[in-house]
Protein backbone atom coordinates (compact mmCIF):
# COMPACT_ATOMS: atom_id res chain seq x y z
CA MET A 1 228.81 -6.10 -76.99
CA ILE A 2 228.25 -5.53 -80.73
CA LYS A 3 231.97 -6.09 -81.42
CA PHE A 4 231.77 -9.31 -79.42
CA PHE A 5 228.90 -10.68 -81.54
CA ARG A 6 230.66 -9.58 -84.76
CA HIS A 7 233.81 -11.41 -83.69
CA ILE A 8 231.86 -14.64 -83.13
CA ARG A 9 230.21 -14.36 -86.57
CA GLN A 10 233.58 -13.78 -88.26
CA ASN A 11 235.10 -16.85 -86.57
CA LEU A 12 232.20 -19.04 -87.66
CA VAL A 13 232.48 -17.84 -91.27
CA MET A 14 236.26 -18.31 -91.31
CA GLU A 15 235.92 -21.83 -89.88
CA ASN A 16 233.29 -22.57 -92.58
CA LYS A 17 230.74 -23.63 -89.97
CA THR A 18 227.70 -22.55 -92.01
CA GLY A 19 225.11 -24.49 -89.97
CA LYS A 20 226.31 -23.08 -86.69
CA TYR A 21 226.52 -19.64 -88.28
CA PHE A 22 222.85 -19.70 -89.28
CA LYS A 23 221.79 -20.98 -85.88
CA TYR A 24 223.81 -18.27 -84.24
CA ALA A 25 222.37 -15.63 -86.58
CA ILE A 26 218.82 -16.74 -85.77
CA GLY A 27 219.61 -16.65 -82.07
CA GLU A 28 221.08 -13.17 -82.42
CA ILE A 29 217.96 -11.99 -84.23
CA ILE A 30 215.80 -13.43 -81.45
CA LEU A 31 217.91 -11.63 -78.85
CA VAL A 32 217.56 -8.35 -80.76
CA VAL A 33 213.78 -8.81 -81.04
CA ILE A 34 213.56 -9.60 -77.33
CA GLY A 35 215.63 -6.50 -76.58
CA ILE A 36 213.34 -4.37 -78.73
CA LEU A 37 210.24 -5.81 -77.03
CA ILE A 38 211.75 -5.16 -73.59
CA ALA A 39 212.60 -1.58 -74.59
CA LEU A 40 209.07 -1.05 -75.91
CA GLN A 41 207.58 -2.48 -72.73
CA ILE A 42 209.75 -0.22 -70.59
CA ASN A 43 208.72 2.73 -72.72
CA ASN A 44 205.04 1.73 -72.32
CA TRP A 45 205.49 1.45 -68.58
CA ASN A 46 207.08 4.88 -68.43
CA GLN A 47 204.34 6.40 -70.60
CA GLU A 48 201.66 4.72 -68.47
CA ARG A 49 203.32 6.06 -65.32
CA ILE A 50 203.40 9.58 -66.82
CA ASN A 51 199.74 9.30 -67.88
CA ASN A 52 198.76 8.05 -64.42
CA GLN A 53 200.56 10.99 -62.83
CA ARG A 54 198.82 13.42 -65.20
CA ALA A 55 195.46 11.76 -64.55
CA GLU A 56 195.97 11.98 -60.79
CA GLY A 57 196.89 15.65 -61.12
CA TYR A 58 193.77 16.30 -63.18
CA LEU A 59 191.61 14.42 -60.69
CA LYS A 60 192.96 16.54 -57.84
CA SER A 61 192.31 19.69 -59.85
CA LEU A 62 188.77 18.47 -60.63
CA ALA A 63 188.20 17.84 -56.93
CA GLU A 64 189.15 21.45 -56.15
CA ASP A 65 186.80 22.71 -58.89
CA LEU A 66 183.94 20.64 -57.50
CA LYS A 67 184.56 21.90 -53.96
CA SER A 68 184.37 25.43 -55.31
CA ASP A 69 181.16 24.55 -57.19
CA ILE A 70 179.57 23.26 -53.98
CA VAL A 71 180.44 26.52 -52.20
CA GLN A 72 178.75 28.41 -55.05
CA TYR A 73 175.67 26.18 -54.88
CA ASP A 74 175.45 26.80 -51.13
CA TYR A 75 175.62 30.54 -51.78
CA ASN A 76 172.82 30.33 -54.36
CA ILE A 77 170.72 28.12 -52.10
CA GLU A 78 171.06 30.60 -49.23
CA ASN A 79 169.97 33.49 -51.47
CA TYR A 80 167.01 31.58 -52.91
CA GLU A 81 165.87 30.66 -49.41
CA GLN A 82 166.15 34.29 -48.31
CA ASP A 83 164.17 35.51 -51.31
CA LEU A 84 161.49 32.91 -50.63
CA ASP A 85 161.22 33.90 -46.97
CA ASN A 86 160.91 37.58 -47.91
CA ASN A 87 158.29 37.03 -50.62
CA LYS A 88 156.23 34.55 -48.59
CA ARG A 89 156.20 36.95 -45.65
CA LEU A 90 154.07 39.32 -47.75
CA PHE A 91 151.45 36.59 -48.19
CA ILE A 92 151.40 35.06 -44.71
CA ASN A 93 150.58 38.07 -42.49
CA ASP A 94 150.51 41.86 -42.31
CA ASP A 95 153.48 42.37 -40.02
CA PHE A 96 155.50 43.80 -42.92
CA LYS A 97 153.22 46.86 -42.82
CA LYS A 98 154.97 47.97 -39.64
CA LEU A 99 158.15 48.55 -41.66
CA GLU A 100 159.16 51.67 -43.53
CA ALA A 101 158.61 51.78 -47.31
CA ASP A 102 162.23 51.09 -48.27
CA SER A 103 162.40 48.10 -45.89
CA ILE A 104 159.21 46.68 -47.39
CA PHE A 105 160.69 47.25 -50.84
CA LYS A 106 163.59 44.95 -49.93
CA LEU A 107 161.08 42.16 -49.29
CA VAL A 108 159.52 42.30 -52.75
CA ARG A 109 162.82 42.44 -54.58
CA GLY A 110 164.42 39.23 -55.77
CA TYR A 111 167.78 38.60 -57.36
CA TYR A 112 168.81 36.11 -60.00
CA GLN A 113 171.94 34.08 -59.38
CA LEU A 114 174.98 33.88 -61.64
CA ASN A 115 176.67 30.75 -62.98
CA ARG A 116 180.15 30.73 -61.43
CA VAL A 117 180.81 27.02 -61.95
CA SER A 118 184.30 26.29 -63.31
CA THR A 119 184.82 23.91 -66.26
CA HIS A 120 188.44 24.84 -67.02
CA THR A 121 189.98 21.63 -65.70
CA TYR A 122 187.45 19.46 -67.50
CA GLU A 123 188.16 21.28 -70.79
CA ARG A 124 191.90 20.77 -70.32
CA ILE A 125 191.32 17.07 -69.74
CA LYS A 126 189.24 16.80 -72.92
CA ASN A 127 191.91 18.62 -74.92
CA ALA A 128 194.56 16.27 -73.54
CA GLY A 129 192.49 13.23 -74.56
CA LEU A 130 192.49 11.81 -71.04
CA ILE A 131 188.75 11.69 -70.33
CA GLU A 132 188.71 7.90 -70.55
CA SER A 133 191.87 7.53 -68.46
CA LEU A 134 190.81 9.21 -65.23
CA GLY A 135 189.68 6.13 -63.38
CA THR A 136 186.73 3.79 -63.41
CA GLU A 137 183.91 3.74 -65.92
CA LYS A 138 181.68 4.95 -63.09
CA ILE A 139 183.76 8.13 -62.79
CA ASN A 140 183.73 8.66 -66.56
CA LYS A 141 179.93 8.40 -66.66
CA ALA A 142 179.57 10.70 -63.66
CA LEU A 143 181.89 13.29 -65.26
CA ASN A 144 179.94 13.20 -68.51
CA ASN A 145 176.63 13.50 -66.65
CA TYR A 146 177.82 16.47 -64.59
CA TYR A 147 179.70 18.53 -67.16
CA ASN A 148 177.70 17.77 -70.31
CA ILE A 149 174.17 17.28 -68.98
CA GLN A 150 173.66 18.71 -65.49
CA LEU A 151 175.59 21.95 -66.02
CA SER A 152 173.86 22.56 -69.34
CA TYR A 153 170.50 22.25 -67.56
CA TYR A 154 171.76 24.47 -64.73
CA GLU A 155 172.75 27.19 -67.17
CA GLY A 156 169.30 27.08 -68.74
CA LEU A 157 167.67 27.18 -65.31
CA LEU A 158 169.61 30.28 -64.27
CA GLN A 159 168.85 31.99 -67.57
CA TRP A 160 165.14 31.29 -67.12
CA ASP A 161 165.26 32.70 -63.59
CA LYS A 162 167.21 35.75 -64.77
CA ASN A 163 164.73 36.57 -67.53
CA SER A 164 161.77 36.29 -65.15
CA SER A 165 163.53 38.20 -62.35
CA VAL A 166 164.26 41.09 -64.72
CA LYS A 167 160.53 41.30 -65.52
CA ASP A 168 159.73 41.36 -61.80
CA GLU A 169 162.37 44.03 -61.29
CA ASP A 170 160.82 46.18 -63.99
CA PHE A 171 157.40 45.87 -62.38
CA TRP A 172 158.48 46.81 -58.87
CA THR A 173 160.99 49.49 -59.84
CA TYR A 174 159.49 51.17 -62.89
CA ASN A 175 155.77 51.70 -62.38
CA ASN A 176 153.52 54.74 -61.96
CA ASN A 177 152.10 53.71 -58.60
CA PHE A 178 155.19 53.83 -56.40
CA GLU A 179 158.38 55.88 -56.48
CA SER A 180 161.07 53.35 -55.64
CA GLY A 181 164.42 54.04 -54.07
CA SER A 182 167.70 52.17 -54.20
CA ILE A 183 168.02 49.32 -51.74
CA ARG A 184 171.77 49.78 -51.82
CA TYR A 185 173.44 52.54 -49.87
CA TYR A 186 174.38 54.74 -52.78
CA GLY A 187 174.20 58.52 -52.95
CA THR A 188 170.82 58.33 -54.68
CA ASN A 189 169.26 57.39 -51.33
CA SER A 190 169.62 61.00 -50.22
CA LEU A 191 167.57 62.31 -53.15
CA PRO A 192 164.13 63.61 -52.15
CA PHE A 193 160.92 61.81 -53.07
CA LYS A 194 157.84 63.51 -54.43
CA ASP A 195 155.56 62.06 -51.76
CA SER A 196 155.81 61.78 -48.00
CA PRO A 197 157.16 58.55 -46.39
CA ALA A 198 153.63 57.64 -45.28
CA LYS A 199 152.25 58.13 -48.80
CA ARG A 200 155.06 56.09 -50.37
CA LYS A 201 154.50 53.28 -47.88
CA ASN A 202 150.76 53.25 -48.56
CA ASP A 203 151.37 53.22 -52.33
CA LEU A 204 153.77 50.27 -52.03
CA VAL A 205 151.41 48.28 -49.81
CA ASN A 206 148.60 48.84 -52.31
CA LEU A 207 150.87 47.70 -55.12
CA ILE A 208 151.79 44.53 -53.20
CA GLU A 209 148.14 43.77 -52.49
CA SER A 210 147.05 44.43 -56.08
CA THR A 211 146.27 41.45 -58.30
CA GLN A 212 149.24 42.21 -60.52
CA GLY A 213 151.56 42.58 -57.55
CA ARG A 214 150.41 39.31 -56.01
CA ASN A 215 150.84 37.56 -59.36
CA HIS A 216 154.44 38.75 -59.62
CA LEU A 217 155.16 37.62 -56.07
CA ARG A 218 153.39 34.28 -56.50
CA ASN A 219 155.25 33.49 -59.71
CA ALA A 220 158.56 34.48 -58.14
CA ILE A 221 157.88 32.16 -55.21
CA VAL A 222 156.96 29.21 -57.44
CA ARG A 223 160.00 29.84 -59.67
CA HIS A 224 162.44 30.04 -56.78
CA GLU A 225 160.98 26.98 -55.07
CA HIS A 226 161.59 25.02 -58.26
CA THR A 227 165.07 26.52 -58.74
CA LEU A 228 165.98 25.87 -55.11
CA PHE A 229 164.95 22.22 -55.44
CA ARG A 230 167.02 21.77 -58.60
CA VAL A 231 170.11 23.46 -57.16
CA ASN A 232 169.94 21.19 -54.10
CA GLU A 233 169.78 18.22 -56.47
CA LEU A 234 172.77 19.50 -58.42
CA LYS A 235 174.72 20.02 -55.21
CA ALA A 236 174.05 16.36 -54.26
CA THR A 237 175.19 15.23 -57.73
CA THR A 238 178.36 17.29 -57.38
CA GLN A 239 179.09 15.84 -53.95
CA HIS A 240 178.63 12.30 -55.30
CA LEU A 241 181.11 12.98 -58.12
CA LEU A 242 183.56 14.50 -55.65
CA ASP A 243 183.31 11.40 -53.45
CA LEU A 244 184.05 9.12 -56.43
CA ILE A 245 187.09 11.19 -57.38
CA ASN A 246 188.42 11.21 -53.81
CA ILE A 247 188.11 7.43 -53.64
CA GLU A 248 190.08 7.13 -56.90
CA ILE A 249 192.77 9.55 -55.66
CA ASN A 250 193.18 7.67 -52.36
CA LYS A 251 193.59 4.23 -53.96
């Protein structure tokens, strides 16, 4: 093709057709420019296709992360509800006094929950510079709200609960009024206690009914009610984001 165009130019020069030569040269330049523009457009289309494929892959990976997050929230919610039921039982009636000391001890104990939410995919997306290319503006806002605002609050919430739960644990486990045992089935359960089972049970009941004991239980209940409410809210936020991403994937 290049040889063909060169041959035409040489003929025009040899025939001394300067006007036609310039017109032809301008036309050739226009054709070259058009060819370059077409090549650039094809390259842009290919790059856009690659970016769209990467974005779709990231969206699918995000969806899997969010599903895993929801499972974790459900696990935390179940544990908070169980802790609340156990602690409230000690306030509502005296039926817990029919239990043995170690069974009663399980009711006063509460556990803090860990943050097992995954942000790996979101960090990869940020590093790839594709945050703004994942779909609609609504998705971008929802992603920013979840990963940069909601999860930051969630981390602070769990840390607050952990710090308070550790204080409760110290009170129930390390005090001079009741010799506590392990609630897990470790070898330490076979170690003898100083007092009889009846004495240990009576000591624990007195500790529960003391002002300090009731304050620990009451504060644990209020804290876990608040935490449970917030985790349910976060689960709903996560489900909403997951729904938006699934809509985008299925377009």
